[in-house]
PDB file of N, CA and C in Angstrom:
ATOM      1  N   MET A   1      82.328  51.146  92.052  1.00  0.00           N
ATOM      2  CA  MET A   1      83.278  51.622  91.088  1.00  0.00           C
ATOM      3  C   MET A   1      83.921  52.790  91.791  1.00  0.00           C
ATOM      4  N   ASN A   2      85.106  52.817  91.787  1.00  0.00           N
ATOM      5  CA  ASN A   2      86.078  54.233  92.482  1.00  0.00           C
ATOM      6  C   ASN A   2      86.493  55.192  91.229  1.00  0.00           C
ATOM      7  N   SER A   3      86.919  56.169  91.551  1.00  0.00           N
ATOM      8  CA  SER A   3      87.598  57.098  90.474  1.00  0.00           C
ATOM      9  C   SER A   3      88.586  58.022  91.226  1.00  0.00           C
ATOM     10  N   VAL A   4      89.259  58.431  90.507  1.00  0.00           N
ATOM     11  CA  VAL A   4      90.283  59.385  90.835  1.00  0.00           C
ATOM     12  C   VAL A   4      90.015  60.746  90.167  1.00  0.00           C
ATOM     13  N   ALA A   5      89.870  61.895  91.025  1.00  0.00           N
ATOM     14  CA  ALA A   5      89.556  63.409  90.426  1.00  0.00           C
ATOM     15  C   ALA A   5      90.896  63.940  90.333  1.00  0.00           C
ATOM     16  N   PRO A   6      91.549  64.047  89.448  1.00  0.00           N
ATOM     17  CA  PRO A   6      93.002  64.980  89.376  1.00  0.00           C
ATOM     18  C   PRO A   6      92.742  66.366  89.311  1.00  0.00           C
ATOM     19  N   GLY A   7      93.734  67.119  89.793  1.00  0.00           N
ATOM     20  CA  GLY A   7      93.570  68.672  89.723  1.00  0.00           C
ATOM     21  C   GLY A   7      94.665  68.798  88.694  1.00  0.00           C
ATOM     22  N   GLY A   8      95.476  69.835  88.995  1.00  0.00           N
ATOM     23  CA  GLY A   8      96.341  70.253  87.796  1.00  0.00           C
ATOM     24  C   GLY A   8      97.387  69.371  87.975  1.00  0.00           C
ATOM     25  N   VAL A   9      98.094  68.996  86.761  1.00  0.00           N
ATOM     26  CA  VAL A   9      99.094  68.061  86.748  1.00  0.00           C
ATOM     27  C   VAL A   9     100.415  68.770  85.754  1.00  0.00           C
ATOM     28  N   ALA A  10     101.475  68.445  86.571  1.00  0.00           N
ATOM     29  CA  ALA A  10     102.688  69.087  85.869  1.00  0.00           C
ATOM     30  C   ALA A  10     102.964  68.606  84.389  1.00  0.00           C
ATOM     31  N   THR A  11     102.960  69.496  83.464  1.00  0.00           N
ATOM     32  CA  THR A  11     103.272  68.919  82.169  1.00  0.00           C
ATOM     33  C   THR A  11     104.712  69.236  81.469  1.00  0.00           C
ATOM     34  N   GLY A  12     105.462  70.210  82.123  1.00  0.00           N
ATOM     35  CA  GLY A  12     106.581  70.637  81.660  1.00  0.00           C
ATOM     36  C   GLY A  12     106.435  71.890  80.720  1.00  0.00           C
ATOM     37  N   ILE A  13     105.278  72.244  80.670  1.00  0.00           N
ATOM     38  CA  ILE A  13     105.189  73.608  79.649  1.00  0.00           C
ATOM     39  C   ILE A  13     105.672  74.612  80.293  1.00  0.00           C
ATOM     40  N   PRO A  14     106.634  75.383  79.816  1.00  0.00           N
ATOM     41  CA  PRO A  14     107.424  76.606  80.632  1.00  0.00           C
ATOM     42  C   PRO A  14     106.415  77.852  80.631  1.00  0.00           C
ATOM     43  N   MET A  15     106.560  78.651  81.336  1.00  0.00           N
ATOM     44  CA  MET A  15     105.778  80.198  81.221  1.00  0.00           C
ATOM     45  C   MET A  15     106.146  80.944  79.653  1.00  0.00           C
ATOM     46  N   PRO A  16     105.460  81.639  79.534  1.00  0.00           N
ATOM     47  CA  PRO A  16     105.987  82.323  78.168  1.00  0.00           C
ATOM     48  C   PRO A  16     107.033  83.078  78.522  1.00  0.00           C
ATOM     49  N   PRO A  17     108.098  82.871  77.417  1.00  0.00           N
ATOM     50  CA  PRO A  17     109.457  83.609  77.554  1.00  0.00           C
ATOM     51  C   PRO A  17     109.301  85.195  77.331  1.00  0.00           C
ATOM     52  N   ASN A  18     108.205  85.850  76.745  1.00  0.00           N
ATOM     53  CA  ASN A  18     108.193  87.115  76.715  1.00  0.00           C
ATOM     54  C   ASN A  18     107.424  87.684  77.668  1.00  0.00           C
ATOM     55  N   MET A  19     107.135  87.347  78.892  1.00  0.00           N
ATOM     56  CA  MET A  19     106.630  87.953  79.971  1.00  0.00           C
ATOM     57  C   MET A  19     107.390  88.980  80.476  1.00  0.00           C
ATOM     58  N   SER A  20     106.908  90.166  80.789  1.00  0.00           N
ATOM     59  CA  SER A  20     107.687  91.244  81.323  1.00  0.00           C
ATOM     60  C   SER A  20     107.805  91.043  82.702  1.00  0.00           C
ATOM     61  N   GLU A  21     108.935  91.809  83.116  1.00  0.00           N
ATOM     62  CA  GLU A  21     109.202  91.652  84.418  1.00  0.00           C
ATOM     63  C   GLU A  21     107.929  92.221  85.500  1.00  0.00           C
ATOM     64  N   TYR A  22     107.416  93.196  84.973  1.00  0.00           N
ATOM     65  CA  TYR A  22     106.339  93.658  85.704  1.00  0.00           C
ATOM     66  C   TYR A  22     105.380  92.604  86.031  1.00  0.00           C
ATOM     67  N   GLY A  23     105.175  91.827  84.623  1.00  0.00           N
ATOM     68  CA  GLY A  23     103.965  90.797  84.642  1.00  0.00           C
ATOM     69  C   GLY A  23     104.169  89.717  85.622  1.00  0.00           C
ATOM     70  N   SER A  24     105.720  89.343  85.570  1.00  0.00           N
ATOM     71  CA  SER A  24     105.954  88.265  86.624  1.00  0.00           C
ATOM     72  C   SER A  24     105.927  88.703  88.059  1.00  0.00           C
ATOM     73  N   GLY A  25     106.345  89.911  88.235  1.00  0.00           N
ATOM     74  CA  GLY A  25     106.108  90.365  89.466  1.00  0.00           C
ATOM     75  C   GLY A  25     104.684  90.564  90.370  1.00  0.00           C
ATOM     76  N   ARG A  26     103.579  90.937  89.097  1.00  0.00           N
ATOM     77  CA  ARG A  26     102.421  90.714  89.408  1.00  0.00           C
ATOM     78  C   ARG A  26     101.870  89.393  89.861  1.00  0.00           C
ATOM     79  N   LEU A  27     102.377  88.526  88.894  1.00  0.00           N
ATOM     80  CA  LEU A  27     101.696  87.135  88.974  1.00  0.00           C
ATOM     81  C   LEU A  27     102.234  86.221  90.380  1.00  0.00           C
ATOM     82  N   ALA A  28     103.400  86.699  90.651  1.00  0.00           N
ATOM     83  CA  ALA A  28     104.229  85.838  91.680  1.00  0.00           C
ATOM     84  C   ALA A  28     103.474  85.657  93.027  1.00  0.00           C
ATOM     85  N   PRO A  29     102.940  86.531  93.543  1.00  0.00           N
ATOM     86  CA  PRO A  29     101.927  86.234  94.895  1.00  0.00           C
ATOM     87  C   PRO A  29     100.978  85.191  94.480  1.00  0.00           C
ATOM     88  N   PHE A  30     100.303  85.441  93.373  1.00  0.00           N
ATOM     89  CA  PHE A  30      99.274  84.403  93.109  1.00  0.00           C
ATOM     90  C   PHE A  30      99.757  82.915  92.955  1.00  0.00           C
ATOM     91  N   GLN A  31     100.924  83.165  92.330  1.00  0.00           N
ATOM     92  CA  GLN A  31     101.300  81.798  91.993  1.00  0.00           C
ATOM     93  C   GLN A  31     101.763  81.032  93.589  1.00  0.00           C
ATOM     94  N   GLN A  32     102.196  81.782  94.308  1.00  0.00           N
ATOM     95  CA  GLN A  32     102.558  81.144  95.485  1.00  0.00           C
ATOM     96  C   GLN A  32     101.320  80.567  96.418  1.00  0.00           C
ATOM     97  N   ALA A  33     100.187  81.088  95.985  1.00  0.00           N
ATOM     98  CA  ALA A  33      99.010  80.729  96.622  1.00  0.00           C
ATOM     99  C   ALA A  33      98.518  79.623  96.041  1.00  0.00           C
ATOM    100  N   ILE A  34      98.912  79.147  94.923  1.00  0.00           N
ATOM    101  CA  ILE A  34      98.423  77.943  94.241  1.00  0.00           C
ATOM    102  C   ILE A  34      98.761  76.536  94.941  1.00  0.00           C
ATOM    103  N   PRO A  35      97.903  75.632  95.236  1.00  0.00           N
ATOM    104  CA  PRO A  35      98.392  74.336  95.894  1.00  0.00           C
ATOM    105  C   PRO A  35      99.268  73.673  94.853  1.00  0.00           C
ATOM    106  N   THR A  36      99.792  72.758  95.532  1.00  0.00           N
ATOM    107  CA  THR A  36     100.998  71.856  94.914  1.00  0.00           C
ATOM    108  C   THR A  36     100.232  71.271  93.407  1.00  0.00           C
ATOM    109  N   VAL A  37     101.100  71.140  92.368  1.00  0.00           N
ATOM    110  CA  VAL A  37     100.549  70.464  91.121  1.00  0.00           C
ATOM    111  C   VAL A  37     101.255  69.175  91.208  1.00  0.00           C
ATOM    112  N   ALA A  38      99.939  68.182  90.691  1.00  0.00           N
ATOM    113  CA  ALA A  38     100.639  66.740  90.668  1.00  0.00           C
ATOM    114  C   ALA A  38     101.620  66.258  89.585  1.00  0.00           C
ATOM    115  N   THR A  39     102.394  65.275  89.707  1.00  0.00           N
ATOM    116  CA  THR A  39     103.126  64.714  88.715  1.00  0.00           C
ATOM    117  C   THR A  39     102.297  63.538  88.377  1.00  0.00           C
ATOM    118  N   ALA A  40     102.581  62.746  87.376  1.00  0.00           N
ATOM    119  CA  ALA A  40     102.127  61.592  86.944  1.00  0.00           C
ATOM    120  C   ALA A  40     102.169  60.559  87.939  1.00  0.00           C
ATOM    121  N   GLU A  41     103.530  60.546  88.682  1.00  0.00           N
ATOM    122  CA  GLU A  41     103.683  59.633  89.661  1.00  0.00           C
ATOM    123  C   GLU A  41     102.706  59.552  90.805  1.00  0.00           C
ATOM    124  N   HIS A  42     102.363  60.978  91.048  1.00  0.00           N
ATOM    125  CA  HIS A  42     101.404  61.228  92.314  1.00  0.00           C
ATOM    126  C   HIS A  42     100.104  60.686  91.953  1.00  0.00           C
ATOM    127  N   LEU A  43      99.652  60.730  90.634  1.00  0.00           N
ATOM    128  CA  LEU A  43      98.291  60.168  90.229  1.00  0.00           C
ATOM    129  C   LEU A  43      98.594  58.817  90.217  1.00  0.00           C
ATOM    130  N   ALA A  44      99.626  58.164  89.620  1.00  0.00           N
ATOM    131  CA  ALA A  44      99.599  56.728  89.463  1.00  0.00           C
ATOM    132  C   ALA A  44      99.421  56.132  91.049  1.00  0.00           C
ATOM    133  N   ALA A  45     100.119  56.941  91.975  1.00  0.00           N
ATOM    134  CA  ALA A  45      99.968  56.445  93.422  1.00  0.00           C
ATOM    135  C   ALA A  45      98.496  56.279  93.974  1.00  0.00           C
ATOM    136  N   SER A  46      97.744  57.337  93.852  1.00  0.00           N
ATOM    137  CA  SER A  46      96.372  57.178  94.053  1.00  0.00           C
ATOM    138  C   SER A  46      95.527  55.904  93.427  1.00  0.00           C
ATOM    139  N   ILE A  47      95.800  55.992  92.037  1.00  0.00           N
ATOM    140  CA  ILE A  47      95.067  54.907  91.203  1.00  0.00           C
ATOM    141  C   ILE A  47      95.654  53.568  91.959  1.00  0.00           C
ATOM    142  N   THR A  48      96.894  53.450  92.090  1.00  0.00           N
ATOM    143  CA  THR A  48      97.355  51.960  92.606  1.00  0.00           C
ATOM    144  C   THR A  48      96.903  51.921  93.927  1.00  0.00           C
ATOM    145  N   PHE A  49      96.570  52.760  94.844  1.00  0.00           N
ATOM    146  CA  PHE A  49      96.000  52.659  96.101  1.00  0.00           C
ATOM    147  C   PHE A  49      94.525  51.829  95.879  1.00  0.00           C
ATOM    148  N   LEU A  50      93.540  52.628  95.015  1.00  0.00           N
ATOM    149  CA  LEU A  50      92.458  52.181  94.649  1.00  0.00           C
ATOM    150  C   LEU A  50      92.202  50.717  94.216  1.00  0.00           C
ATOM    151  N   LEU A  51      93.356  50.283  93.681  1.00  0.00           N
ATOM    152  CA  LEU A  51      93.435  49.156  93.090  1.00  0.00           C
ATOM    153  C   LEU A  51      94.047  47.975  93.854  1.00  0.00           C
ATOM    154  N   SER A  52      94.678  48.424  94.963  1.00  0.00           N
ATOM    155  CA  SER A  52      95.219  47.703  95.868  1.00  0.00           C
ATOM    156  C   SER A  52      94.181  46.887  96.884  1.00  0.00           C
ATOM    157  N   ASP A  53      94.635  45.923  97.672  1.00  0.00           N
ATOM    158  CA  ASP A  53      93.971  45.410  98.742  1.00  0.00           C
ATOM    159  C   ASP A  53      93.748  46.310  99.680  1.00  0.00           C
ATOM    160  N   ASP A  54      94.517  47.151 100.063  1.00  0.00           N
ATOM    161  CA  ASP A  54      94.239  48.296 101.192  1.00  0.00           C
ATOM    162  C   ASP A  54      93.067  49.034 100.823  1.00  0.00           C
ATOM    163  N   ALA A  55      92.412  48.969  99.391  1.00  0.00           N
ATOM    164  CA  ALA A  55      91.489  49.942  99.416  1.00  0.00           C
ATOM    165  C   ALA A  55      90.062  48.716  99.238  1.00  0.00           C
ATOM    166  N   VAL A  56      90.062  47.477  99.763  1.00  0.00           N
ATOM    167  CA  VAL A  56      89.158  46.505  99.766  1.00  0.00           C
ATOM    168  C   VAL A  56      87.895  46.917 100.099  1.00  0.00           C
ATOM    169  N   ASN A  57      87.527  47.709 100.968  1.00  0.00           N
ATOM    170  CA  ASN A  57      86.338  48.067 101.400  1.00  0.00           C
ATOM    171  C   ASN A  57      85.939  49.593 101.141  1.00  0.00           C
ATOM    172  N   ILE A  58      86.436  50.147 100.127  1.00  0.00           N
ATOM    173  CA  ILE A  58      85.976  51.483  99.866  1.00  0.00           C
ATOM    174  C   ILE A  58      85.266  51.293  98.268  1.00  0.00           C
ATOM    175  N   ASN A  59      84.262  51.610  98.157  1.00  0.00           N
ATOM    176  CA  ASN A  59      83.359  51.467  97.245  1.00  0.00           C
ATOM    177  C   ASN A  59      82.428  52.638  96.918  1.00  0.00           C
ATOM    178  N   GLY A  60      82.558  52.890  95.442  1.00  0.00           N
ATOM    179  CA  GLY A  60      81.771  54.440  95.138  1.00  0.00           C
ATOM    180  C   GLY A  60      82.299  55.727  95.611  1.00  0.00           C
ATOM    181  N   ALA A  61      83.604  55.609  95.638  1.00  0.00           N
ATOM    182  CA  ALA A  61      84.572  56.880  95.930  1.00  0.00           C
ATOM    183  C   ALA A  61      84.925  57.390  94.687  1.00  0.00           C
ATOM    184  N   VAL A  62      85.029  59.080  95.059  1.00  0.00           N
ATOM    185  CA  VAL A  62      85.980  59.731  94.035  1.00  0.00           C
ATOM    186  C   VAL A  62      86.868  60.334  95.020  1.00  0.00           C
ATOM    187  N   LEU A  63      88.135  59.888  94.482  1.00  0.00           N
ATOM    188  CA  LEU A  63      89.504  60.243  95.273  1.00  0.00           C
ATOM    189  C   LEU A  63      89.919  61.374  94.828  1.00  0.00           C
ATOM    190  N   ALA A  64      89.784  62.542  95.308  1.00  0.00           N
ATOM    191  CA  ALA A  64      90.469  63.833  94.915  1.00  0.00           C
ATOM    192  C   ALA A  64      92.029  63.801  95.032  1.00  0.00           C
ATOM    193  N   SER A  65      92.561  63.810  94.065  1.00  0.00           N
ATOM    194  CA  SER A  65      94.137  63.510  94.077  1.00  0.00           C
ATOM    195  C   SER A  65      94.542  64.913  93.311  1.00  0.00           C
ATOM    196  N   ASP A  66      94.451  65.971  93.862  1.00  0.00           N
ATOM    197  CA  ASP A  66      94.672  67.236  93.520  1.00  0.00           C
ATOM    198  C   ASP A  66      95.219  68.256  94.220  1.00  0.00           C
ATOM    199  N   GLY A  67      96.023  67.917  95.215  1.00  0.00           N
ATOM    200  CA  GLY A  67      97.009  68.785  96.044  1.00  0.00           C
ATOM    201  C   GLY A  67      96.149  69.743  96.711  1.00  0.00           C
ATOM    202  N   GLY A  68      95.113  69.514  97.142  1.00  0.00           N
ATOM    203  CA  GLY A  68      94.224  70.507  97.860  1.00  0.00           C
ATOM    204  C   GLY A  68      93.481  71.623  97.064  1.00  0.00           C
ATOM    205  N   TRP A  69      93.447  71.374  95.656  1.00  0.00           N
ATOM    206  CA  TRP A  69      92.653  72.201  94.820  1.00  0.00           C
ATOM    207  C   TRP A  69      91.221  72.233  95.159  1.00  0.00           C
ATOM    208  N   SER A  70      90.442  71.310  95.635  1.00  0.00           N
ATOM    209  CA  SER A  70      89.321  71.057  95.956  1.00  0.00           C
ATOM    210  C   SER A  70      88.767  71.638  97.145  1.00  0.00           C
ATOM    211  N   VAL A  71      89.623  71.733  98.023  1.00  0.00           N
ATOM    212  CA  VAL A  71      89.227  72.392  99.333  1.00  0.00           C
ATOM    213  C   VAL A  71      89.175  73.650  99.470  1.00  0.00           C
ATOM    214  N   GLN A  72      89.537  74.362  98.293  1.00  0.00           N
ATOM    215  CA  GLN A  72      89.813  76.014  98.496  1.00  0.00           C
ATOM    216  C   GLN A  72      88.451  76.446  98.187  1.00  0.00           C
TER     217      GLN A  72
END
């Protein structure tokens, strides 16, 4: 049995509207260091791969579909 381990997934939830300019400025450098965030389509592609004939010889794998989060 194989599985997909997702990382952050884009949900469309916006940042709080009441964040100050100072807070936004302090947060910006850290946000740039965050790996990419997956969309539902990205996760579906990983799952589709594991279900396809291309993954016929893959067994017992946990596929990290997390945009690089797990390697930090």
